[in-house]
Protein backbone atom coordinates (compact mmCIF):
# COMPACT_ATOMS: atom_id res chain seq x y z
CA UNK A 1 113.30 134.09 73.19
CA UNK A 2 115.32 131.23 73.82
CA UNK A 3 114.30 127.80 71.45
CA UNK A 4 113.91 125.88 74.34
CA UNK A 5 110.62 127.78 75.87
CA UNK A 6 109.89 128.40 72.18
CA UNK A 7 109.12 124.39 71.51
CA UNK A 8 108.00 123.71 74.70
CA UNK A 9 104.95 126.25 74.43
CA UNK A 10 104.21 125.37 70.73
CA UNK A 11 104.05 121.50 71.16
CA UNK A 12 102.01 121.90 74.66
CA UNK A 13 98.65 120.75 72.83
CA UNK A 14 95.05 119.94 74.21
CA UNK A 15 94.77 116.47 74.56
CA UNK A 16 90.84 115.47 73.92
CA UNK A 17 89.33 112.10 73.83
CA UNK A 18 87.60 111.76 70.45
CA UNK A 19 84.20 111.71 72.01
CA UNK A 20 84.97 115.44 73.29
CA UNK A 21 85.40 116.87 70.23
CA UNK A 22 82.64 118.80 69.12
CA UNK A 23 81.70 118.53 65.02
CA UNK A 24 84.03 121.37 64.09
CA UNK A 25 85.46 122.79 67.07
CA UNK A 26 89.36 122.79 66.72
CA UNK A 27 91.50 120.62 68.75
CA UNK A 28 94.08 123.45 70.17
CA UNK A 29 96.30 120.97 71.85
CA UNK A 30 97.26 120.76 75.33
CA UNK A 31 97.23 124.23 77.32
CA UNK A 32 95.38 127.03 76.29
CA UNK A 33 95.41 130.78 77.47
CA UNK A 34 93.55 133.63 77.90
CA UNK A 35 93.75 137.08 75.60
CA UNK A 36 92.40 139.11 78.19
CA UNK A 37 94.52 141.24 80.76
CA UNK A 38 96.62 140.31 83.53
CA UNK A 39 94.82 139.93 86.14
CA UNK A 40 95.57 142.56 89.05
CA UNK A 41 97.64 141.51 91.91
CA UNK A 42 95.99 139.17 94.19
CA UNK A 43 93.11 138.51 92.00
CA UNK A 44 91.90 134.94 91.61
CA UNK A 45 94.88 133.66 93.84
CA UNK A 46 93.55 130.39 93.48
CA UNK A 47 94.98 129.81 90.09
CA UNK A 48 97.86 127.44 89.67
CA UNK A 49 100.80 127.04 86.87
CA UNK A 50 101.03 123.21 86.05
CA UNK A 51 104.58 122.20 84.24
CA UNK A 52 104.59 118.59 82.94
CA UNK A 53 107.37 117.10 82.14
CA UNK A 54 110.66 118.39 81.20
CA UNK A 55 111.29 121.69 79.29
CA UNK A 56 112.58 120.07 75.88
CA UNK A 57 109.41 118.04 75.48
CA UNK A 58 106.95 118.84 78.09
CA UNK A 59 103.71 121.09 78.23
CA UNK A 60 102.18 123.25 80.57
CA UNK A 61 98.30 123.63 81.96
CA UNK A 62 96.42 125.51 84.56
CA UNK A 63 94.49 124.83 87.64
CA UNK A 64 92.90 126.06 90.66
CA UNK A 65 93.56 125.03 94.35
CA UNK A 66 90.39 123.86 95.69
CA UNK A 67 91.58 122.02 98.88
CA UNK A 68 94.87 122.94 100.72
CA UNK A 69 96.08 119.50 99.39
CA UNK A 70 94.45 119.55 96.01
CA UNK A 71 93.91 121.36 92.65
CA UNK A 72 91.65 121.12 89.66
CA UNK A 73 92.26 120.81 86.11
CA UNK A 74 91.82 119.28 83.17
CA UNK A 75 92.26 115.14 82.83
CA UNK A 76 93.63 115.81 79.06
CA UNK A 77 96.91 117.57 80.51
CA UNK A 78 98.31 114.30 81.63
CA UNK A 79 97.03 111.84 79.16
CA UNK A 80 99.90 109.93 77.26
CA UNK A 81 97.97 110.58 73.73
CA UNK A 82 95.53 112.70 72.27
CA UNK A 83 92.27 110.52 73.07
CA UNK A 84 93.43 108.43 75.88
CA UNK A 85 92.50 107.27 79.34
CA UNK A 86 94.28 108.92 82.24
CA UNK A 87 94.90 106.29 85.02
CA UNK A 88 94.56 107.58 88.44
CA UNK A 89 97.95 107.52 90.41
CA UNK A 90 101.52 109.23 90.07
CA UNK A 91 101.55 111.25 87.09
CA UNK A 92 103.22 109.40 84.43
CA UNK A 93 105.41 113.00 83.78
CA UNK A 94 106.67 114.80 86.75
CA UNK A 95 104.36 117.46 87.42
CA UNK A 96 105.10 120.85 89.09
CA UNK A 97 102.39 123.05 90.76
CA UNK A 98 103.47 127.08 91.23
CA UNK A 99 101.04 128.42 93.26
CA UNK A 100 100.27 132.56 92.82
CA UNK A 101 102.53 133.18 95.86
CA UNK A 102 105.53 131.57 93.74
CA UNK A 103 106.14 129.00 95.62
CA UNK A 104 106.43 125.31 93.64
CA UNK A 105 104.94 121.77 94.57
CA UNK A 106 105.27 118.59 93.33
CA UNK A 107 102.16 116.35 92.14
CA UNK A 108 101.74 113.15 93.67
CA UNK A 109 98.67 111.97 92.53
CA UNK A 110 95.75 112.72 89.81
CA UNK A 111 91.90 111.15 90.26
CA UNK A 112 90.55 111.40 86.44
CA UNK A 113 86.69 111.89 85.76
CA UNK A 114 85.31 109.34 83.22
CA UNK A 115 82.47 111.24 81.80
CA UNK A 116 84.22 114.82 81.47
CA UNK A 117 87.62 116.48 81.18
CA UNK A 118 87.90 117.10 84.91
CA UNK A 119 91.14 115.52 87.09
CA UNK A 120 92.23 116.45 90.95
CA UNK A 121 96.03 116.44 91.42
CA UNK A 122 97.45 116.03 95.03
CA UNK A 123 100.41 118.26 95.90
CA UNK A 124 102.87 117.03 97.74
CA UNK A 125 102.38 119.50 101.22
CA UNK A 126 99.53 121.04 102.52
CA UNK A 127 99.14 124.53 101.07
CA UNK A 128 98.41 127.75 103.92
CA UNK A 129 99.66 130.78 102.01
CA UNK A 130 96.82 130.72 99.47
CA UNK A 131 93.06 130.07 99.92
CA UNK A 132 91.30 127.64 98.12
CA UNK A 133 88.54 128.41 95.52
CA UNK A 134 84.85 127.94 96.77
CA UNK A 135 83.18 125.76 94.05
CA UNK A 136 79.43 126.54 93.03
CA UNK A 137 76.86 124.53 93.90
CA UNK A 138 74.99 124.63 90.58
CA UNK A 139 76.45 125.22 86.95
CA UNK A 140 75.54 129.00 85.62
CA UNK A 141 72.58 129.27 83.37
CA UNK A 142 72.62 130.43 79.11
CA UNK A 143 73.72 134.01 78.93
CA UNK A 144 75.45 134.39 82.36
CA UNK A 145 78.74 136.16 82.16
CA UNK A 146 81.91 134.44 83.42
CA UNK A 147 86.03 135.05 83.82
CA UNK A 148 88.35 132.83 82.61
CA UNK A 149 91.71 132.79 83.63
CA UNK A 150 94.82 131.02 82.24
CA UNK A 151 99.15 131.55 81.71
CA UNK A 152 99.49 130.87 78.36
CA UNK A 153 99.49 132.47 75.12
CA UNK A 154 97.85 135.49 74.43
CA UNK A 155 97.02 137.76 71.33
CA UNK A 156 100.70 139.11 71.35
CA UNK A 157 102.69 136.85 73.70
CA UNK A 158 103.90 133.28 73.11
CA UNK A 159 105.05 132.78 76.76
CA UNK A 160 103.44 135.66 79.25
CA UNK A 161 104.57 135.27 82.93
CA UNK A 162 101.41 135.98 84.57
CA UNK A 163 97.75 135.27 84.39
CA UNK A 164 95.69 136.81 82.16
CA UNK A 165 92.07 136.96 82.42
CA UNK A 166 88.86 137.00 79.64
CA UNK A 167 85.22 137.96 80.00
CA UNK A 168 82.86 135.02 78.51
CA UNK A 169 79.58 134.22 78.02
CA UNK A 170 77.52 130.93 78.92
CA UNK A 171 75.86 129.67 75.53
CA UNK A 172 74.50 126.29 76.32
CA UNK A 173 74.95 124.04 79.79
CA UNK A 174 74.59 120.37 79.18
CA UNK A 175 74.79 117.47 82.41
CA UNK A 176 78.63 117.79 82.55
CA UNK A 177 79.94 121.03 80.23
CA UNK A 178 79.66 124.53 79.40
CA UNK A 179 79.48 126.06 76.06
CA UNK A 180 81.15 129.66 76.38
CA UNK A 181 81.84 132.38 74.11
CA UNK A 182 84.44 135.09 74.66
CA UNK A 183 82.96 138.87 74.98
CA UNK A 184 84.45 141.25 72.40
CA UNK A 185 87.96 139.70 70.91
CA UNK A 186 88.38 137.55 74.26
CA UNK A 187 89.33 134.11 73.74
CA UNK A 188 91.30 131.09 75.09
CA UNK A 189 94.34 129.99 73.69
CA UNK A 190 97.23 127.70 73.95
CA UNK A 191 98.92 127.48 77.46
CA UNK A 192 96.17 127.15 79.81
CA UNK A 193 93.86 123.70 79.58
CA UNK A 194 92.19 123.16 83.34
CA UNK A 195 92.17 127.02 83.51
CA UNK A 196 89.12 128.11 85.84
CA UNK A 197 85.96 129.77 84.96
CA UNK A 198 84.58 131.54 88.19
CA UNK A 199 81.22 133.08 88.43
CA UNK A 200 80.30 136.63 89.52
CA UNK A 201 80.83 135.51 93.27
CA UNK A 202 84.16 134.65 92.33
CA UNK A 203 82.96 130.38 92.31
CA UNK A 204 84.50 128.04 90.67
CA UNK A 205 82.01 126.83 87.63
CA UNK A 206 84.20 125.08 85.29
CA UNK A 207 87.37 123.76 83.83
CA UNK A 208 88.46 124.68 80.66
CA UNK A 209 89.03 122.40 77.94
CA UNK A 210 88.77 123.21 74.32
CA UNK A 211 88.41 126.54 72.19
CA UNK A 212 88.84 127.73 68.59
CA UNK A 213 91.20 130.11 69.67
CA UNK A 214 90.28 132.94 67.37
CA UNK A 215 92.90 135.97 67.95
CA UNK A 216 95.08 134.01 69.28
CA UNK A 217 98.79 134.36 68.90
CA UNK A 218 99.97 131.78 66.02
CA UNK A 219 96.37 130.52 65.03
CA UNK A 220 95.06 131.31 61.46
CA UNK A 221 94.49 134.88 60.93
CA UNK A 222 91.24 133.84 59.13
CA UNK A 223 89.93 131.80 62.52
CA UNK A 224 87.76 134.75 64.47
CA UNK A 225 85.86 132.38 66.38
CA UNK A 226 85.77 132.66 70.29
CA UNK A 227 83.73 129.94 71.33
CA UNK A 228 85.15 127.23 73.89
CA UNK A 229 84.03 124.45 76.11
CA UNK A 230 84.39 123.75 79.59
CA UNK A 231 83.78 120.81 81.88
CA UNK A 232 81.22 121.80 84.43
CA UNK A 233 82.82 121.27 88.40
CA UNK A 234 79.27 121.38 90.30
CA UNK A 235 77.86 118.26 91.43
CA UNK A 236 81.35 116.53 92.22
CA UNK A 237 81.39 116.62 96.10
CA UNK A 238 81.06 112.65 97.01
CA UNK A 239 83.81 112.11 94.06
CA UNK A 240 86.03 115.18 95.19
CA UNK A 241 85.24 113.26 98.96
CA UNK A 242 85.99 109.82 98.01
CA UNK A 243 89.63 110.84 96.11
CA UNK A 244 90.37 112.76 99.25
CA UNK A 245 90.57 109.43 100.99
CA UNK A 246 92.88 107.66 98.63
CA UNK A 247 95.95 106.01 100.00
CA UNK A 248 99.43 107.74 98.76
CA UNK A 249 101.13 104.74 96.91
CA UNK A 250 104.47 103.89 96.39
CA UNK A 251 104.43 100.83 94.19
CA UNK A 252 106.77 98.03 93.74
CA UNK A 253 110.11 98.79 92.82
CA UNK A 254 109.64 103.15 93.54
CA UNK A 255 111.74 104.90 95.35
CA UNK A 256 111.42 107.68 97.89
CA UNK A 257 114.20 110.02 97.28
CA UNK A 258 116.15 112.16 99.63
CA UNK A 259 114.03 115.30 100.26
CA UNK A 260 110.77 113.60 98.20
CA UNK A 261 107.47 113.57 99.87
CA UNK A 262 104.16 110.88 100.18
CA UNK A 263 101.47 113.31 101.51
CA UNK A 264 97.54 111.76 102.34
CA UNK A 265 94.78 113.30 103.68
CA UNK A 266 96.31 113.48 107.19
CA UNK A 267 99.42 112.16 106.45
CA UNK A 268 102.96 112.97 105.10
CA UNK A 269 105.60 110.52 104.81
CA UNK A 270 108.90 112.51 104.14
CA UNK A 271 112.60 111.06 103.38
CA UNK A 272 114.79 113.78 104.97
CA UNK A 273 117.92 115.41 103.64
CA UNK A 274 118.86 113.66 107.18
CA UNK A 275 118.49 110.47 106.09
CA UNK A 276 115.47 110.02 108.42
CA UNK A 277 111.89 108.41 106.90
CA UNK A 278 109.08 110.45 109.34
CA UNK A 279 105.56 110.33 109.06
CA UNK A 280 104.45 113.83 110.05
CA UNK A 281 100.62 114.56 110.73
CA UNK A 282 99.02 116.72 108.01
CA UNK A 283 99.02 119.80 110.46
CA UNK A 284 102.38 118.82 111.34
CA UNK A 285 106.10 118.92 109.95
CA UNK A 286 108.45 121.87 108.91
CA UNK A 287 109.72 122.78 112.73
CA UNK A 288 106.13 122.57 114.16
CA UNK A 289 106.17 119.02 115.71
CA UNK A 290 103.80 116.43 114.89
CA UNK A 291 105.59 113.40 114.31
CA UNK A 292 104.22 110.39 114.77
CA UNK A 293 106.79 107.62 113.52
CA UNK A 294 110.80 107.50 112.32
CA UNK A 295 112.69 104.96 110.82
CA UNK A 296 115.59 106.12 113.28
CA UNK A 297 117.93 106.87 110.27
CA UNK A 298 119.03 110.16 110.66
CA UNK A 299 122.76 111.11 110.56
CA UNK A 300 122.73 109.55 106.82
CA UNK A 301 122.60 112.82 104.58
CA UNK A 302 121.03 111.62 101.02
CA UNK A 303 119.55 108.47 102.13
CA UNK A 304 116.56 106.97 100.32
CA UNK A 305 113.88 104.70 100.84
CA UNK A 306 112.96 101.83 98.19
CA UNK A 307 109.89 99.56 98.21
CA UNK A 308 111.84 96.87 96.56
CA UNK A 309 110.40 94.50 94.21
CA UNK A 310 110.76 91.44 96.81
CA UNK A 311 108.04 93.29 99.19
CA UNK A 312 110.81 94.78 101.72
CA UNK A 313 110.68 98.53 102.23
CA UNK A 314 114.31 99.84 102.83
CA UNK A 315 116.08 102.61 103.86
CA UNK A 316 119.58 102.95 102.32
CA UNK A 317 122.64 104.88 102.67
CA UNK A 318 123.85 107.52 99.73
CA UNK A 319 124.43 105.53 97.22
CA UNK A 320 123.32 102.41 98.70
CA UNK A 321 121.45 99.55 97.17
CA UNK A 322 119.97 95.53 97.64
CA UNK A 323 123.70 94.84 95.80
CA UNK A 324 126.07 97.04 97.84
CA UNK A 325 126.89 95.86 100.99
CA UNK A 326 126.20 97.09 104.40
CA UNK A 327 124.45 99.64 102.73
CA UNK A 328 120.82 99.04 104.06
CA UNK A 329 120.11 101.32 107.28
CA UNK A 330 116.32 100.36 108.21
CA UNK A 331 113.98 97.48 106.50
CA UNK A 332 110.32 96.46 107.27
CA UNK A 333 111.24 92.86 107.12
CA UNK A 334 108.72 92.31 104.39
CA UNK A 335 110.71 90.39 101.97
CA UNK A 336 109.30 87.44 100.13
CA UNK A 337 106.25 88.99 99.02
CA UNK A 338 107.19 89.96 95.33
CA UNK A 339 105.16 93.57 94.15
CA UNK A 340 104.12 94.07 97.85
CA UNK A 341 103.18 98.07 97.63
CA UNK A 342 103.57 100.95 100.35
CA UNK A 343 100.45 102.76 101.06
CA UNK A 344 100.36 106.10 103.35
CA UNK A 345 96.49 106.03 104.21
CA UNK A 346 94.43 109.03 104.77
CA UNK A 347 94.18 108.26 108.25
CA UNK A 348 98.38 108.63 108.07
CA UNK A 349 98.96 104.64 108.98
CA UNK A 350 101.55 103.57 106.82
CA UNK A 351 101.07 99.88 105.67
CA UNK A 352 102.68 97.41 103.50
CA UNK A 353 100.18 95.05 101.73
CA UNK A 354 100.65 92.22 99.48
CA UNK A 355 98.77 92.93 96.11
CA UNK A 356 97.06 90.36 94.68
CA UNK A 357 95.07 91.84 92.17
CA UNK A 358 95.35 94.79 89.44
CA UNK A 359 98.04 96.12 91.24
CA UNK A 360 96.09 98.10 93.65
CA UNK A 361 96.91 98.80 97.08
CA UNK A 362 95.04 97.22 99.71
CA UNK A 363 93.73 94.44 98.02
CA UNK A 364 95.91 91.72 100.08
CA UNK A 365 97.09 90.68 103.20
CA UNK A 366 98.86 93.20 105.52
CA UNK A 367 102.09 92.34 105.78
CA UNK A 368 103.34 95.39 108.13
CA UNK A 369 102.05 98.86 109.45
CA UNK A 370 102.99 101.76 111.49
CA UNK A 371 99.90 101.82 113.54
CA UNK A 372 99.71 105.59 113.49
CA UNK A 373 96.25 105.93 112.63
CA UNK A 374 93.49 107.94 114.73
CA UNK A 375 91.79 106.47 118.43
CA UNK A 376 88.42 108.10 118.52
CA UNK A 377 87.84 111.04 120.10
CA UNK A 378 88.40 110.19 124.03
CA UNK A 379 90.09 108.53 125.78
CA UNK A 380 88.60 106.25 128.90
CA UNK A 381 89.47 105.90 132.12
CA UNK A 382 92.85 103.71 132.58
CA UNK A 383 93.63 104.05 128.59
CA UNK A 384 96.83 105.50 127.07
CA UNK A 385 97.49 107.60 124.26
CA UNK A 386 100.68 106.20 122.91
CA UNK A 387 103.33 107.96 120.49
CA UNK A 388 102.33 108.22 117.40
CA UNK A 389 98.70 107.92 118.21
CA UNK A 390 95.83 110.72 117.79
CA UNK A 391 92.72 111.63 118.31
CA UNK A 392 89.79 113.47 116.38
CA UNK A 393 86.25 114.49 116.28
CA UNK A 394 86.44 115.42 112.52
CA UNK A 395 87.33 119.45 113.14
CA UNK A 396 90.45 119.02 115.34
CA UNK A 397 93.04 116.64 116.45
CA UNK A 398 94.68 115.84 119.83
CA UNK A 399 98.39 114.83 118.51
CA UNK A 400 100.64 112.67 121.22
CA UNK A 401 104.22 113.15 118.74
CA UNK A 402 106.86 110.77 119.36
CA UNK A 403 108.53 113.93 120.29
CA UNK A 404 106.74 113.97 123.76
CA UNK A 405 104.30 117.05 122.62
CA UNK A 406 100.60 116.95 123.21
CA UNK A 407 99.43 119.03 120.17
CA UNK A 408 95.53 120.37 119.74
CA UNK A 409 95.44 121.56 116.36
CA UNK A 410 92.38 122.32 113.76
CA UNK A 411 92.36 119.85 111.25
CA UNK A 412 91.44 122.29 108.36
CA UNK A 413 93.90 125.31 108.86
CA UNK A 414 96.85 123.56 111.21
CA UNK A 415 96.40 126.11 113.08
CA UNK A 416 97.49 125.00 117.00
CA UNK A 417 94.83 125.68 119.83
CA UNK A 418 96.66 124.33 122.76
CA UNK A 419 100.09 122.65 123.39
CA UNK A 420 101.68 120.87 126.11
CA UNK A 421 105.69 120.53 124.69
CA UNK A 422 108.27 118.90 126.44
CA UNK A 423 110.55 117.63 123.08
CA UNK A 424 111.05 114.42 126.05
CA UNK A 425 110.91 111.71 123.37
CA UNK A 426 108.67 108.73 123.13
CA UNK A 427 106.40 110.45 126.38
CA UNK A 428 102.76 109.56 126.08
CA UNK A 429 99.58 110.29 128.34
CA UNK A 430 97.53 108.34 130.64
CA UNK A 431 93.79 108.71 131.67
CA UNK A 432 94.65 107.38 135.29
CA UNK A 433 91.69 105.14 136.79
CA UNK A 434 92.31 107.61 140.03
CA UNK A 435 90.61 110.48 136.96
CA UNK A 436 94.24 112.44 136.55
CA UNK A 437 95.69 112.56 132.85
CA UNK A 438 99.13 112.73 133.17
CA UNK A 439 102.12 112.99 130.70
CA UNK A 440 104.64 110.65 131.71
CA UNK A 441 108.29 109.71 130.25
CA UNK A 442 108.90 106.71 128.11
CA UNK A 443 109.94 104.63 131.16
CA UNK A 444 107.42 106.58 133.37
CA UNK A 445 103.98 105.18 134.40
CA UNK A 446 101.67 105.74 137.10
CA UNK A 447 103.42 104.55 140.54
CA UNK A 448 106.73 105.27 139.22
CA UNK A 449 108.45 108.31 138.55
CA UNK A 450 108.73 110.32 135.19
CA UNK A 451 105.43 112.57 134.98
CA UNK A 452 106.04 115.66 132.99
CA UNK A 453 102.57 117.09 133.53
CA UNK A 454 99.23 116.73 134.67
CA UNK A 455 95.91 118.03 135.08
CA UNK A 456 95.68 117.56 138.91
CA UNK A 457 92.58 115.57 138.43
CA UNK A 458 93.03 112.94 140.59
CA UNK A 459 90.06 111.62 142.97
CA UNK A 460 87.70 110.77 140.37
CA UNK A 461 87.28 107.41 139.46
CA UNK A 462 85.94 106.55 136.10
CA UNK A 463 86.60 110.40 134.68
CA UNK A 464 87.51 110.54 131.08
CA UNK A 465 89.08 112.87 128.41
CA UNK A 466 87.08 113.97 125.80
CA UNK A 467 88.38 116.16 122.66
CA UNK A 468 85.57 118.42 122.06
CA UNK A 469 84.55 120.12 118.87
CA UNK A 470 85.23 123.63 120.57
CA UNK A 471 89.27 122.80 119.92
CA UNK A 472 89.17 121.96 124.06
CA UNK A 473 90.49 118.80 125.51
CA UNK A 474 88.28 118.30 128.63
CA UNK A 475 88.79 115.87 131.46
CA UNK A 476 85.06 115.27 132.65
CA UNK A 477 83.48 113.46 135.71
CA UNK A 478 82.23 109.84 135.14
CA UNK A 479 78.95 111.60 135.05
CA UNK A 480 80.04 113.89 132.14
CA UNK A 481 80.45 117.41 134.00
CA UNK A 482 83.77 119.29 133.28
CA UNK A 483 86.58 118.85 136.00
CA UNK A 484 89.49 120.73 133.36
CA UNK A 485 89.51 122.37 129.94
CA UNK A 486 92.44 123.75 128.08
CA UNK A 487 91.59 126.28 125.17
CA UNK A 488 91.85 129.60 123.62
CA UNK A 489 88.79 132.14 124.40
CA UNK A 490 87.55 134.23 121.71
CA UNK A 491 85.72 137.04 122.37
CA UNK A 492 82.58 137.22 120.34
CA UNK A 493 82.44 140.93 119.62
CA UNK A 494 86.19 141.56 118.47
CA UNK A 495 86.50 137.92 116.99
CA UNK A 496 90.07 138.24 119.24
CA UNK A 497 91.44 136.12 121.58
CA UNK A 498 92.04 136.38 125.35
CA UNK A 499 95.88 137.07 125.62
CA UNK A 500 98.83 137.42 128.22
CA UNK A 501 100.30 140.48 126.69
CA UNK A 502 104.11 140.21 127.42
CA UNK A 503 103.29 138.05 130.08
CA UNK A 504 101.44 140.58 132.31
CA UNK A 505 98.70 142.40 131.21
CA UNK A 506 95.17 140.94 129.89
CA UNK A 507 94.16 141.97 126.61
CA UNK A 508 92.76 141.05 123.26
CA UNK A 509 94.82 140.14 120.05
CA UNK A 510 94.46 138.27 116.88
CA UNK A 511 93.63 134.59 117.17
CA UNK A 512 97.20 132.76 116.49
CA UNK A 513 97.18 129.55 118.72
CA UNK A 514 100.46 130.54 120.97
CA UNK A 515 101.06 129.59 124.28
CA UNK A 516 99.82 133.35 125.50
CA UNK A 517 96.36 132.57 124.01
CA UNK A 518 95.87 129.07 125.89
CA UNK A 519 93.91 128.90 129.17
CA UNK A 520 93.68 125.74 131.01
CA UNK A 521 90.34 126.19 133.20
CA UNK A 522 91.88 123.90 136.71
CA UNK A 523 90.11 122.08 138.85
CA UNK A 524 90.93 124.85 141.52
CA UNK A 525 88.77 127.20 139.29
CA UNK A 526 92.13 128.86 138.00
CA UNK A 527 92.45 130.46 134.59
CA UNK A 528 96.04 129.67 133.87
CA UNK A 529 98.43 130.52 130.89
CA UNK A 530 101.99 129.79 130.80
CA UNK A 531 101.82 128.49 134.68
CA UNK A 532 100.47 131.76 135.75
CA UNK A 533 97.51 133.11 136.76
CA UNK A 534 94.33 135.51 135.10
CA UNK A 535 93.81 137.87 138.41
CA UNK A 536 91.67 140.64 139.21
CA UNK A 537 92.46 143.63 141.45
CA UNK A 538 91.95 143.37 144.84
CA UNK A 539 88.67 142.35 145.69
CA UNK A 540 87.49 142.02 142.10
CA UNK A 541 85.31 144.87 142.10
CA UNK A 542 83.68 146.84 139.21
CA UNK A 543 86.29 148.57 136.88
CA UNK A 544 89.03 145.86 138.04
CA UNK A 545 91.79 145.44 135.46
CA UNK A 546 92.89 141.91 134.64
CA UNK A 547 96.73 140.53 135.18
CA UNK A 548 98.29 137.33 134.76
CA UNK A 549 100.82 136.43 137.73
CA UNK A 550 101.87 133.83 139.92
CA UNK A 551 99.12 131.42 140.74
CA UNK A 552 98.90 131.64 145.09
CA UNK A 553 95.49 130.49 145.46
CA UNK A 554 93.80 134.18 146.27
CA UNK A 555 90.00 134.20 145.53
CA UNK A 556 90.98 137.14 142.72
CA UNK A 557 92.01 134.02 140.77
CA UNK A 558 89.36 131.81 140.89
CA UNK A 559 86.81 132.19 138.13
CA UNK A 560 83.09 130.79 136.70
CA UNK A 561 83.32 129.50 133.31
CA UNK A 562 79.73 129.82 132.24
CA UNK A 563 79.21 127.59 128.87
CA UNK A 564 75.23 128.74 129.18
CA UNK A 565 75.78 132.40 128.35
CA UNK A 566 79.46 132.16 127.28
CA UNK A 567 80.88 134.66 130.34
CA UNK A 568 83.54 134.11 132.96
CA UNK A 569 82.70 135.59 136.03
CA UNK A 570 84.45 136.06 139.10
CA UNK A 571 84.00 132.99 141.64
CA UNK A 572 84.14 135.80 144.49
CA UNK A 573 81.64 138.37 142.69
CA UNK A 574 79.65 136.50 140.61
CA UNK A 575 78.05 139.40 138.91
CA UNK A 576 81.22 140.72 137.66
CA UNK A 577 81.87 139.49 134.57
CA UNK A 578 85.47 139.41 131.87
CA UNK A 579 84.72 142.12 129.96
CA UNK A 580 86.67 144.23 127.05
CA UNK A 581 86.13 147.69 127.97
CA UNK A 582 84.59 150.23 125.95
CA UNK A 583 83.09 147.47 123.82
CA UNK A 584 86.76 148.16 122.00
CA UNK A 585 87.76 145.33 119.35
CA UNK A 586 91.39 146.45 118.55
CA UNK A 587 94.61 144.70 119.17
CA UNK A 588 95.68 145.29 122.59
CA UNK A 589 91.97 146.42 124.09
CA UNK A 590 92.46 146.26 127.53
CA UNK A 591 90.02 143.19 129.67
CA UNK A 592 88.93 143.86 132.69
CA UNK A 593 85.82 143.33 135.32
CA UNK A 594 82.33 144.73 134.99
CA UNK A 595 78.76 143.87 135.78
CA UNK A 596 77.42 140.82 133.93
CA UNK A 597 75.19 141.78 131.48
CA UNK A 598 74.12 140.80 127.76
CA UNK A 599 77.20 142.57 126.04
CA UNK A 600 78.69 140.68 123.26
CA UNK A 601 82.04 142.00 124.45
CA UNK A 602 81.26 140.14 127.85
CA UNK A 603 81.31 136.53 126.00
CA UNK A 604 83.73 134.07 124.78
CA UNK A 605 83.65 131.17 123.08
CA UNK A 606 86.12 128.48 122.59
CA UNK A 607 87.52 128.48 118.99
């Protein structure tokens, strides 16, 4: 065993406040771990290993993923000295979270509770590869069996490489904590402060705070007690919701280095390796579009951004700085406001504030902003959605990214529901006063050239566009009736989506948001995917198979999307509905026409 790792684990002690130490309970120092068996592959995948500080003098803890961007752990993991309070904001020591799939992410922000040993920590990027843990709504009662988990020391290993678990029973519960006792020889040891406690339903009920460590490697052999104290995690919904709305802050004098990210609830500010400082919507980035703003400084590898002490946000060339001539690539122009702070809001709007009290962002005059926040959930007649603006209804988002792409995505998962991609930079959407929703080039517009795409819904004065909670972008008449819509169709029985398989056959397939699962309901009653039309065999008779072929206006390409009973019927044979033959539910099951009835294999929803 290397001396470095031995020292790391042996000096990593649980930090507890003086008021938290139960009389006689051993204060074990940061990081405790569970002496029980290794967790089975895939078990308790929401558990996260935290590395705080450097290898020489740092410590380690355990946490739990509770949201794509947030983990929950013990506040004492981040305390500078035992018993000291933990300020909210960027961790004092560099902190890395390692997920169960092996991916590591920086912790960029912490928010500690003041009534129990619990903290939330924000990750540098949302997690899509691991599912977050569910939290129990109530605390377990005395006698309830729980499972604890941790990455630290066991009865036989100083630095175990895998998650371990142990069985515990609740002794007592008070309003903020749980007293627990290990079953058999199971105990909580050094290496895992903040480790999760799960009930029988797999719900998080607490985070481990301190322990007697009976039977742990390195503990006095005469110590046999396996009791521990955990902080309760129920009843924290409002606090968690409030924390998620916190802006991500770059304070006066701080630097965003090449490759670093500042992440808020719905925004990501990335100092890209190519030198471009870019805001992505939380559902974008990593090759998925969704850029809302950029400094335009690409082509300068190694460039970095600095929130200068004079209040100016500046992007510098690699090796540059305030004292290096001609090294500034871009600036916000907000000098002369010493101590100003950069804040990326939960709404993805990037602002420079003049700070006037306590060094907190957002308390002073607004000096500069990108204007990349949301614009409600509708585009009224004769209004525009400009590059970097977006709509949201709280469930889905419609992005007009600066790369010329219109994207509809789920907020919770980032799953794409529909898109119109042009990569024609700085294009914009216009809900025209003639009722047509048009995507224009940067310099185009109504009455001029430059239209890239439209819904072809002209001749409808007062029409408006609405982002619906089912994920559809809908153009509606002034009276509210539907004129045009875009979305996927999910089969009620199978849970799979209507799919243009190989660009020809209509089948069902796992919903994944691809272009071949995106269907546009046109004013001509067509269902279009990839520019082609859903088409029945001649006559649209019962048993007809459906294809996806070139649109030519024939009656077999006309459809009624019936919102009352979630069916799709032929416009020329209204008694014939789009149906998954033989009530099949597997991928590639054939879709055709059959007499309309009440079967769920003929019912479709827009997910």
